[in-house]
Amino acid sequence: MKKQYRFSSGETISADVEDLQALQQQLTEYLNNYLELYESLDDESYIARGNGFCEAKYSEDFVESQISKYRQRLSEVEGWLAAEKD
């Protein structure tokens, strides 16, 4: 049976344990992608093609905020899964 879960950001999802496990895997992949991107911010292949004022395709602040967001969400999902096992 699906339950309602609310992230600290205010977003609500309806999920069962299998959905939470799939979400956990997805969030882990997102987090790993942003961590990899963060390590490559100085790589020339990430230079922007925008208005000429950007030095990088993604700002360091943006990438850091995404890493923080996905770490927080992953932590919340892991907490929900731990509570379901009790």
PDB file of N, CA and C in Angstrom:
ATOM      1  N   MET A   1       0.841  -1.176   0.000  1.00  0.00           N
ATOM      2  CA  MET A   1       0.000   0.000   0.000  1.00  0.00           C
ATOM      3  C   MET A   1       0.893   1.248   0.000  1.00  0.00           C
ATOM      4  N   LYS A   2       0.536   2.209  -0.816  1.00  0.00           N
ATOM      5  CA  LYS A   2       1.319   3.432  -0.925  1.00  0.00           C
ATOM      6  C   LYS A   2       0.974   4.398   0.198  1.00  0.00           C
ATOM      7  N   LYS A   3       2.021   5.078   0.666  1.00  0.00           N
ATOM      8  CA  LYS A   3       1.882   6.092   1.711  1.00  0.00           C
ATOM      9  C   LYS A   3       2.297   7.438   1.137  1.00  0.00           C
ATOM     10  N   GLN A   4       1.912   8.477   1.838  1.00  0.00           N
ATOM     11  CA  GLN A   4       2.333   9.827   1.474  1.00  0.00           C
ATOM     12  C   GLN A   4       3.613  10.162   2.238  1.00  0.00           C
ATOM     13  N   TYR A   5       4.596  10.669   1.522  1.00  0.00           N
ATOM     14  CA  TYR A   5       5.857  11.105   2.118  1.00  0.00           C
ATOM     15  C   TYR A   5       6.099  12.548   1.691  1.00  0.00           C
ATOM     16  N   ARG A   6       6.615  13.347   2.618  1.00  0.00           N
ATOM     17  CA  ARG A   6       6.874  14.757   2.331  1.00  0.00           C
ATOM     18  C   ARG A   6       8.352  15.061   2.540  1.00  0.00           C
ATOM     19  N   PHE A   7       8.978  15.576   1.460  1.00  0.00           N
ATOM     20  CA  PHE A   7      10.363  16.027   1.560  1.00  0.00           C
ATOM     21  C   PHE A   7      10.401  17.331   2.349  1.00  0.00           C
ATOM     22  N   SER A   8      11.553  17.645   2.909  1.00  0.00           N
ATOM     23  CA  SER A   8      11.706  18.893   3.667  1.00  0.00           C
ATOM     24  C   SER A   8      11.507  20.112   2.778  1.00  0.00           C
ATOM     25  N   SER A   9      11.623  19.930   1.457  1.00  0.00           N
ATOM     26  CA  SER A   9      11.392  21.023   0.504  1.00  0.00           C
ATOM     27  C   SER A   9       9.908  21.301   0.315  1.00  0.00           C
ATOM     28  N   GLY A  10       9.053  20.401   0.831  1.00  0.00           N
ATOM     29  CA  GLY A  10       7.613  20.573   0.719  1.00  0.00           C
ATOM     30  C   GLY A  10       6.964  19.662  -0.317  1.00  0.00           C
ATOM     31  N   GLU A  11       7.763  19.082  -1.200  1.00  0.00           N
ATOM     32  CA  GLU A  11       7.231  18.182  -2.221  1.00  0.00           C
ATOM     33  C   GLU A  11       6.722  16.901  -1.572  1.00  0.00           C
ATOM     34  N   THR A  12       5.561  16.439  -2.008  1.00  0.00           N
ATOM     35  CA  THR A  12       4.949  15.225  -1.477  1.00  0.00           C
ATOM     36  C   THR A  12       4.929  14.155  -2.563  1.00  0.00           C
ATOM     37  N   ILE A  13       5.239  12.930  -2.163  1.00  0.00           N
ATOM     38  CA  ILE A  13       5.152  11.797  -3.079  1.00  0.00           C
ATOM     39  C   ILE A  13       4.310  10.700  -2.445  1.00  0.00           C
ATOM     40  N   SER A  14       3.738   9.876  -3.293  1.00  0.00           N
ATOM     41  CA  SER A  14       2.997   8.704  -2.856  1.00  0.00           C
ATOM     42  C   SER A  14       3.827   7.500  -3.292  1.00  0.00           C
ATOM     43  N   ALA A  15       4.226   6.665  -2.328  1.00  0.00           N
ATOM     44  CA  ALA A  15       5.138   5.569  -2.662  1.00  0.00           C
ATOM     45  C   ALA A  15       4.977   4.401  -1.708  1.00  0.00           C
ATOM     46  N   ASP A  16       5.355   3.225  -2.210  1.00  0.00           N
ATOM     47  CA  ASP A  16       5.494   2.053  -1.354  1.00  0.00           C
ATOM     48  C   ASP A  16       6.994   1.754  -1.234  1.00  0.00           C
ATOM     49  N   VAL A  17       7.352   0.686  -0.583  1.00  0.00           N
ATOM     50  CA  VAL A  17       8.769   0.381  -0.354  1.00  0.00           C
ATOM     51  C   VAL A  17       9.525   0.217  -1.674  1.00  0.00           C
ATOM     52  N   GLU A  18       8.918  -0.468  -2.636  1.00  0.00           N
ATOM     53  CA  GLU A  18       9.584  -0.642  -3.937  1.00  0.00           C
ATOM     54  C   GLU A  18       9.818   0.696  -4.625  1.00  0.00           C
ATOM     55  N   ASP A  19       8.834   1.594  -4.547  1.00  0.00           N
ATOM     56  CA  ASP A  19       8.995   2.927  -5.128  1.00  0.00           C
ATOM     57  C   ASP A  19      10.118   3.695  -4.442  1.00  0.00           C
ATOM     58  N   LEU A  20      10.180   3.572  -3.116  1.00  0.00           N
ATOM     59  CA  LEU A  20      11.233   4.257  -2.360  1.00  0.00           C
ATOM     60  C   LEU A  20      12.609   3.702  -2.722  1.00  0.00           C
ATOM     61  N   GLN A  21      12.705   2.402  -2.908  1.00  0.00           N
ATOM     62  CA  GLN A  21      13.986   1.804  -3.293  1.00  0.00           C
ATOM     63  C   GLN A  21      14.414   2.276  -4.681  1.00  0.00           C
ATOM     64  N   ALA A  22      13.461   2.362  -5.600  1.00  0.00           N
ATOM     65  CA  ALA A  22      13.764   2.858  -6.946  1.00  0.00           C
ATOM     66  C   ALA A  22      14.169   4.334  -6.889  1.00  0.00           C
ATOM     67  N   LEU A  23      13.476   5.107  -6.068  1.00  0.00           N
ATOM     68  CA  LEU A  23      13.812   6.526  -5.907  1.00  0.00           C
ATOM     69  C   LEU A  23      15.189   6.674  -5.288  1.00  0.00           C
ATOM     70  N   GLN A  24      15.512   5.832  -4.321  1.00  0.00           N
ATOM     71  CA  GLN A  24      16.826   5.857  -3.689  1.00  0.00           C
ATOM     72  C   GLN A  24      17.918   5.632  -4.741  1.00  0.00           C
ATOM     73  N   GLN A  25      17.718   4.676  -5.604  1.00  0.00           N
ATOM     74  CA  GLN A  25      18.691   4.380  -6.658  1.00  0.00           C
ATOM     75  C   GLN A  25      18.807   5.561  -7.627  1.00  0.00           C
ATOM     76  N   GLN A  26      17.677   6.132  -8.002  1.00  0.00           N
ATOM     77  CA  GLN A  26      17.676   7.267  -8.918  1.00  0.00           C
ATOM     78  C   GLN A  26      18.390   8.473  -8.301  1.00  0.00           C
ATOM     79  N   LEU A  27      18.099   8.768  -7.050  1.00  0.00           N
ATOM     80  CA  LEU A  27      18.738   9.900  -6.375  1.00  0.00           C
ATOM     81  C   LEU A  27      20.238   9.684  -6.225  1.00  0.00           C
ATOM     82  N   THR A  28      20.642   8.444  -5.968  1.00  0.00           N
ATOM     83  CA  THR A  28      22.062   8.115  -5.871  1.00  0.00           C
ATOM     84  C   THR A  28      22.752   8.383  -7.203  1.00  0.00           C
ATOM     85  N   GLU A  29      22.117   8.009  -8.299  1.00  0.00           N
ATOM     86  CA  GLU A  29      22.682   8.259  -9.626  1.00  0.00           C
ATOM     87  C   GLU A  29      22.784   9.755  -9.901  1.00  0.00           C
ATOM     88  N   TYR A  30      21.740  10.511  -9.572  1.00  0.00           N
ATOM     89  CA  TYR A  30      21.774  11.963  -9.755  1.00  0.00           C
ATOM     90  C   TYR A  30      22.906  12.581  -8.944  1.00  0.00           C
ATOM     91  N   LEU A  31      23.016  12.170  -7.684  1.00  0.00           N
ATOM     92  CA  LEU A  31      24.061  12.711  -6.816  1.00  0.00           C
ATOM     93  C   LEU A  31      25.440  12.387  -7.387  1.00  0.00           C
ATOM     94  N   ASN A  32      25.637  11.166  -7.807  1.00  0.00           N
ATOM     95  CA  ASN A  32      26.932  10.776  -8.377  1.00  0.00           C
ATOM     96  C   ASN A  32      27.249  11.569  -9.643  1.00  0.00           C
ATOM     97  N   ASN A  33      26.231  11.835 -10.464  1.00  0.00           N
ATOM     98  CA  ASN A  33      26.441  12.633 -11.672  1.00  0.00           C
ATOM     99  C   ASN A  33      26.889  14.051 -11.320  1.00  0.00           C
ATOM    100  N   TYR A  34      26.241  14.668 -10.337  1.00  0.00           N
ATOM    101  CA  TYR A  34      26.628  16.024  -9.946  1.00  0.00           C
ATOM    102  C   TYR A  34      27.995  16.041  -9.267  1.00  0.00           C
ATOM    103  N   LEU A  35      28.319  15.008  -8.504  1.00  0.00           N
ATOM    104  CA  LEU A  35      29.654  14.929  -7.904  1.00  0.00           C
ATOM    105  C   LEU A  35      30.723  14.816  -8.990  1.00  0.00           C
ATOM    106  N   GLU A  36      30.442  14.033 -10.014  1.00  0.00           N
ATOM    107  CA  GLU A  36      31.370  13.901 -11.140  1.00  0.00           C
ATOM    108  C   GLU A  36      31.503  15.232 -11.879  1.00  0.00           C
ATOM    109  N   LEU A  37      30.386  15.900 -12.098  1.00  0.00           N
ATOM    110  CA  LEU A  37      30.408  17.196 -12.763  1.00  0.00           C
ATOM    111  C   LEU A  37      31.198  18.213 -11.949  1.00  0.00           C
ATOM    112  N   TYR A  38      31.009  18.192 -10.627  1.00  0.00           N
ATOM    113  CA  TYR A  38      31.716  19.125  -9.749  1.00  0.00           C
ATOM    114  C   TYR A  38      33.230  18.954  -9.885  1.00  0.00           C
ATOM    115  N   GLU A  39      33.661  17.707  -9.992  1.00  0.00           N
ATOM    116  CA  GLU A  39      35.092  17.432 -10.141  1.00  0.00           C
ATOM    117  C   GLU A  39      35.624  17.894 -11.493  1.00  0.00           C
ATOM    118  N   SER A  40      34.735  18.089 -12.466  1.00  0.00           N
ATOM    119  CA  SER A  40      35.146  18.439 -13.823  1.00  0.00           C
ATOM    120  C   SER A  40      34.852  19.888 -14.191  1.00  0.00           C
ATOM    121  N   LEU A  41      34.492  20.716 -13.229  1.00  0.00           N
ATOM    122  CA  LEU A  41      34.121  22.099 -13.545  1.00  0.00           C
ATOM    123  C   LEU A  41      35.239  22.874 -14.224  1.00  0.00           C
ATOM    124  N   ASP A  42      36.466  22.556 -13.943  1.00  0.00           N
ATOM    125  CA  ASP A  42      37.590  23.270 -14.542  1.00  0.00           C
ATOM    126  C   ASP A  42      37.973  22.721 -15.916  1.00  0.00           C
ATOM    127  N   ASP A  43      37.362  21.624 -16.311  1.00  0.00           N
ATOM    128  CA  ASP A  43      37.652  21.006 -17.597  1.00  0.00           C
ATOM    129  C   ASP A  43      37.127  21.906 -18.719  1.00  0.00           C
ATOM    130  N   GLU A  44      37.938  22.154 -19.734  1.00  0.00           N
ATOM    131  CA  GLU A  44      37.536  23.034 -20.831  1.00  0.00           C
ATOM    132  C   GLU A  44      36.311  22.540 -21.588  1.00  0.00           C
ATOM    133  N   SER A  45      36.028  21.256 -21.554  1.00  0.00           N
ATOM    134  CA  SER A  45      34.868  20.722 -22.271  1.00  0.00           C
ATOM    135  C   SER A  45      33.546  21.178 -21.649  1.00  0.00           C
ATOM    136  N   TYR A  46      33.596  21.774 -20.458  1.00  0.00           N
ATOM    137  CA  TYR A  46      32.391  22.259 -19.796  1.00  0.00           C
ATOM    138  C   TYR A  46      32.190  23.764 -19.988  1.00  0.00           C
ATOM    139  N   ILE A  47      32.964  24.391 -20.873  1.00  0.00           N
ATOM    140  CA  ILE A  47      32.830  25.827 -21.113  1.00  0.00           C
ATOM    141  C   ILE A  47      31.489  26.105 -21.793  1.00  0.00           C
ATOM    142  N   ALA A  48      30.846  27.174 -21.356  1.00  0.00           N
ATOM    143  CA  ALA A  48      29.519  27.528 -21.874  1.00  0.00           C
ATOM    144  C   ALA A  48      29.599  28.111 -23.280  1.00  0.00           C
ATOM    145  N   ARG A  49      28.479  28.042 -23.985  1.00  0.00           N
ATOM    146  CA  ARG A  49      28.352  28.646 -25.297  1.00  0.00           C
ATOM    147  C   ARG A  49      27.299  29.753 -25.256  1.00  0.00           C
ATOM    148  N   GLY A  50      27.036  30.261 -24.076  1.00  0.00           N
ATOM    149  CA  GLY A  50      25.934  31.205 -23.862  1.00  0.00           C
ATOM    150  C   GLY A  50      26.215  32.602 -24.352  1.00  0.00           C
ATOM    151  N   ASN A  51      25.921  33.579 -23.519  1.00  0.00           N
ATOM    152  CA  ASN A  51      25.952  34.986 -23.898  1.00  0.00           C
ATOM    153  C   ASN A  51      27.351  35.591 -23.876  1.00  0.00           C
ATOM    154  N   GLY A  52      28.353  34.810 -23.644  1.00  0.00           N
ATOM    155  CA  GLY A  52      29.708  35.327 -23.633  1.00  0.00           C
ATOM    156  C   GLY A  52      30.181  35.769 -22.267  1.00  0.00           C
ATOM    157  N   PHE A  53      29.291  35.858 -21.310  1.00  0.00           N
ATOM    158  CA  PHE A  53      29.665  36.284 -19.968  1.00  0.00           C
ATOM    159  C   PHE A  53      29.929  35.096 -19.049  1.00  0.00           C
ATOM    160  N   CYS A  54      29.544  33.909 -19.466  1.00  0.00           N
ATOM    161  CA  CYS A  54      29.727  32.716 -18.642  1.00  0.00           C
ATOM    162  C   CYS A  54      31.101  32.126 -18.896  1.00  0.00           C
ATOM    163  N   GLU A  55      31.704  31.622 -17.866  1.00  0.00           N
ATOM    164  CA  GLU A  55      32.981  30.939 -18.008  1.00  0.00           C
ATOM    165  C   GLU A  55      32.816  29.435 -17.954  1.00  0.00           C
ATOM    166  N   ALA A  56      31.676  28.973 -17.467  1.00  0.00           N
ATOM    167  CA  ALA A  56      31.430  27.534 -17.370  1.00  0.00           C
ATOM    168  C   ALA A  56      29.975  27.249 -17.673  1.00  0.00           C
ATOM    169  N   LYS A  57      29.717  26.050 -18.140  1.00  0.00           N
ATOM    170  CA  LYS A  57      28.355  25.663 -18.480  1.00  0.00           C
ATOM    171  C   LYS A  57      27.467  25.649 -17.246  1.00  0.00           C
ATOM    172  N   TYR A  58      28.002  25.205 -16.145  1.00  0.00           N
ATOM    173  CA  TYR A  58      27.272  25.164 -14.882  1.00  0.00           C
ATOM    174  C   TYR A  58      28.069  25.967 -13.857  1.00  0.00           C
ATOM    175  N   SER A  59      27.388  26.805 -13.120  1.00  0.00           N
ATOM    176  CA  SER A  59      28.096  27.555 -12.088  1.00  0.00           C
ATOM    177  C   SER A  59      28.408  26.619 -10.929  1.00  0.00           C
ATOM    178  N   GLU A  60      29.470  26.931 -10.225  1.00  0.00           N
ATOM    179  CA  GLU A  60      29.852  26.125  -9.075  1.00  0.00           C
ATOM    180  C   GLU A  60      28.746  26.150  -8.021  1.00  0.00           C
ATOM    181  N   ASP A  61      28.116  27.314  -7.841  1.00  0.00           N
ATOM    182  CA  ASP A  61      27.026  27.426  -6.868  1.00  0.00           C
ATOM    183  C   ASP A  61      25.859  26.516  -7.229  1.00  0.00           C
ATOM    184  N   PHE A  62      25.514  26.475  -8.529  1.00  0.00           N
ATOM    185  CA  PHE A  62      24.414  25.617  -8.971  1.00  0.00           C
ATOM    186  C   PHE A  62      24.722  24.150  -8.679  1.00  0.00           C
ATOM    187  N   VAL A  63      25.909  23.712  -9.050  1.00  0.00           N
ATOM    188  CA  VAL A  63      26.284  22.313  -8.854  1.00  0.00           C
ATOM    189  C   VAL A  63      26.299  21.982  -7.364  1.00  0.00           C
ATOM    190  N   GLU A  64      26.849  22.876  -6.550  1.00  0.00           N
ATOM    191  CA  GLU A  64      26.866  22.644  -5.101  1.00  0.00           C
ATOM    192  C   GLU A  64      25.451  22.570  -4.535  1.00  0.00           C
ATOM    193  N   SER A  65      24.549  23.422  -5.040  1.00  0.00           N
ATOM    194  CA  SER A  65      23.165  23.378  -4.546  1.00  0.00           C
ATOM    195  C   SER A  65      22.479  22.078  -4.952  1.00  0.00           C
ATOM    196  N   GLN A  66      22.772  21.582  -6.141  1.00  0.00           N
ATOM    197  CA  GLN A  66      22.184  20.311  -6.574  1.00  0.00           C
ATOM    198  C   GLN A  66      22.735  19.156  -5.741  1.00  0.00           C
ATOM    199  N   ILE A  67      24.020  19.180  -5.451  1.00  0.00           N
ATOM    200  CA  ILE A  67      24.617  18.142  -4.609  1.00  0.00           C
ATOM    201  C   ILE A  67      23.959  18.151  -3.236  1.00  0.00           C
ATOM    202  N   SER A  68      23.791  19.328  -2.674  1.00  0.00           N
ATOM    203  CA  SER A  68      23.144  19.457  -1.365  1.00  0.00           C
ATOM    204  C   SER A  68      21.702  18.948  -1.422  1.00  0.00           C
ATOM    205  N   LYS A  69      20.991  19.331  -2.461  1.00  0.00           N
ATOM    206  CA  LYS A  69      19.585  18.921  -2.633  1.00  0.00           C
ATOM    207  C   LYS A  69      19.469  17.395  -2.693  1.00  0.00           C
ATOM    208  N   TYR A  70      20.301  16.768  -3.518  1.00  0.00           N
ATOM    209  CA  TYR A  70      20.188  15.320  -3.676  1.00  0.00           C
ATOM    210  C   TYR A  70      20.705  14.568  -2.460  1.00  0.00           C
ATOM    211  N   ARG A  71      21.686  15.115  -1.762  1.00  0.00           N
ATOM    212  CA  ARG A  71      22.111  14.485  -0.507  1.00  0.00           C
ATOM    213  C   ARG A  71      20.984  14.521   0.514  1.00  0.00           C
ATOM    214  N   GLN A  72      20.303  15.658   0.603  1.00  0.00           N
ATOM    215  CA  GLN A  72      19.198  15.808   1.548  1.00  0.00           C
ATOM    216  C   GLN A  72      18.063  14.842   1.203  1.00  0.00           C
ATOM    217  N   ARG A  73      17.686  14.810  -0.066  1.00  0.00           N
ATOM    218  CA  ARG A  73      16.593  13.919  -0.481  1.00  0.00           C
ATOM    219  C   ARG A  73      16.950  12.454  -0.257  1.00  0.00           C
ATOM    220  N   LEU A  74      18.185  12.107  -0.583  1.00  0.00           N
ATOM    221  CA  LEU A  74      18.622  10.729  -0.389  1.00  0.00           C
ATOM    222  C   LEU A  74      18.581  10.363   1.083  1.00  0.00           C
ATOM    223  N   SER A  75      19.008  11.264   1.934  1.00  0.00           N
ATOM    224  CA  SER A  75      18.966  11.037   3.371  1.00  0.00           C
ATOM    225  C   SER A  75      17.531  10.820   3.853  1.00  0.00           C
ATOM    226  N   GLU A  76      16.613  11.628   3.344  1.00  0.00           N
ATOM    227  CA  GLU A  76      15.208  11.493   3.742  1.00  0.00           C
ATOM    228  C   GLU A  76      14.632  10.161   3.278  1.00  0.00           C
ATOM    229  N   VAL A  77      14.916   9.777   2.034  1.00  0.00           N
ATOM    230  CA  VAL A  77      14.407   8.504   1.511  1.00  0.00           C
ATOM    231  C   VAL A  77      14.993   7.341   2.301  1.00  0.00           C
ATOM    232  N   GLU A  78      16.276   7.407   2.623  1.00  0.00           N
ATOM    233  CA  GLU A  78      16.890   6.342   3.418  1.00  0.00           C
ATOM    234  C   GLU A  78      16.254   6.258   4.804  1.00  0.00           C
ATOM    235  N   GLY A  79      15.896   7.402   5.370  1.00  0.00           N
ATOM    236  CA  GLY A  79      15.198   7.412   6.652  1.00  0.00           C
ATOM    237  C   GLY A  79      13.828   6.769   6.551  1.00  0.00           C
ATOM    238  N   TRP A  80      13.128   7.078   5.482  1.00  0.00           N
ATOM    239  CA  TRP A  80      11.798   6.475   5.281  1.00  0.00           C
ATOM    240  C   TRP A  80      11.907   4.961   5.122  1.00  0.00           C
ATOM    241  N   LEU A  81      12.924   4.517   4.357  1.00  0.00           N
ATOM    242  CA  LEU A  81      13.110   3.080   4.167  1.00  0.00           C
ATOM    243  C   LEU A  81      13.465   2.402   5.481  1.00  0.00           C
ATOM    244  N   ALA A  82      14.299   3.029   6.288  1.00  0.00           N
ATOM    245  CA  ALA A  82      14.662   2.460   7.596  1.00  0.00           C
ATOM    246  C   ALA A  82      13.440   2.350   8.492  1.00  0.00           C
ATOM    247  N   ALA A  83      12.564   3.343   8.436  1.00  0.00           N
ATOM    248  CA  ALA A  83      11.348   3.326   9.251  1.00  0.00           C
ATOM    249  C   ALA A  83      10.403   2.211   8.797  1.00  0.00           C
ATOM    250  N   GLU A  84      10.389   1.919   7.507  1.00  0.00           N
ATOM    251  CA  GLU A  84       9.536   0.859   6.982  1.00  0.00           C
ATOM    252  C   GLU A  84      10.013  -0.517   7.413  1.00  0.00           C
ATOM    253  N   LYS A  85      11.320  -0.660   7.661  1.00  0.00           N
ATOM    254  CA  LYS A  85      11.876  -1.956   8.057  1.00  0.00           C
ATOM    255  C   LYS A  85      11.608  -2.255   9.525  1.00  0.00           C
ATOM    256  N   ASP A  86      11.309  -1.216  10.308  1.00  0.00           N
ATOM    257  CA  ASP A  86      11.063  -1.401  11.746  1.00  0.00           C
ATOM    258  C   ASP A  86       9.710  -2.019  12.018  1.00  0.00           C
TER     259      ASP A  86
END
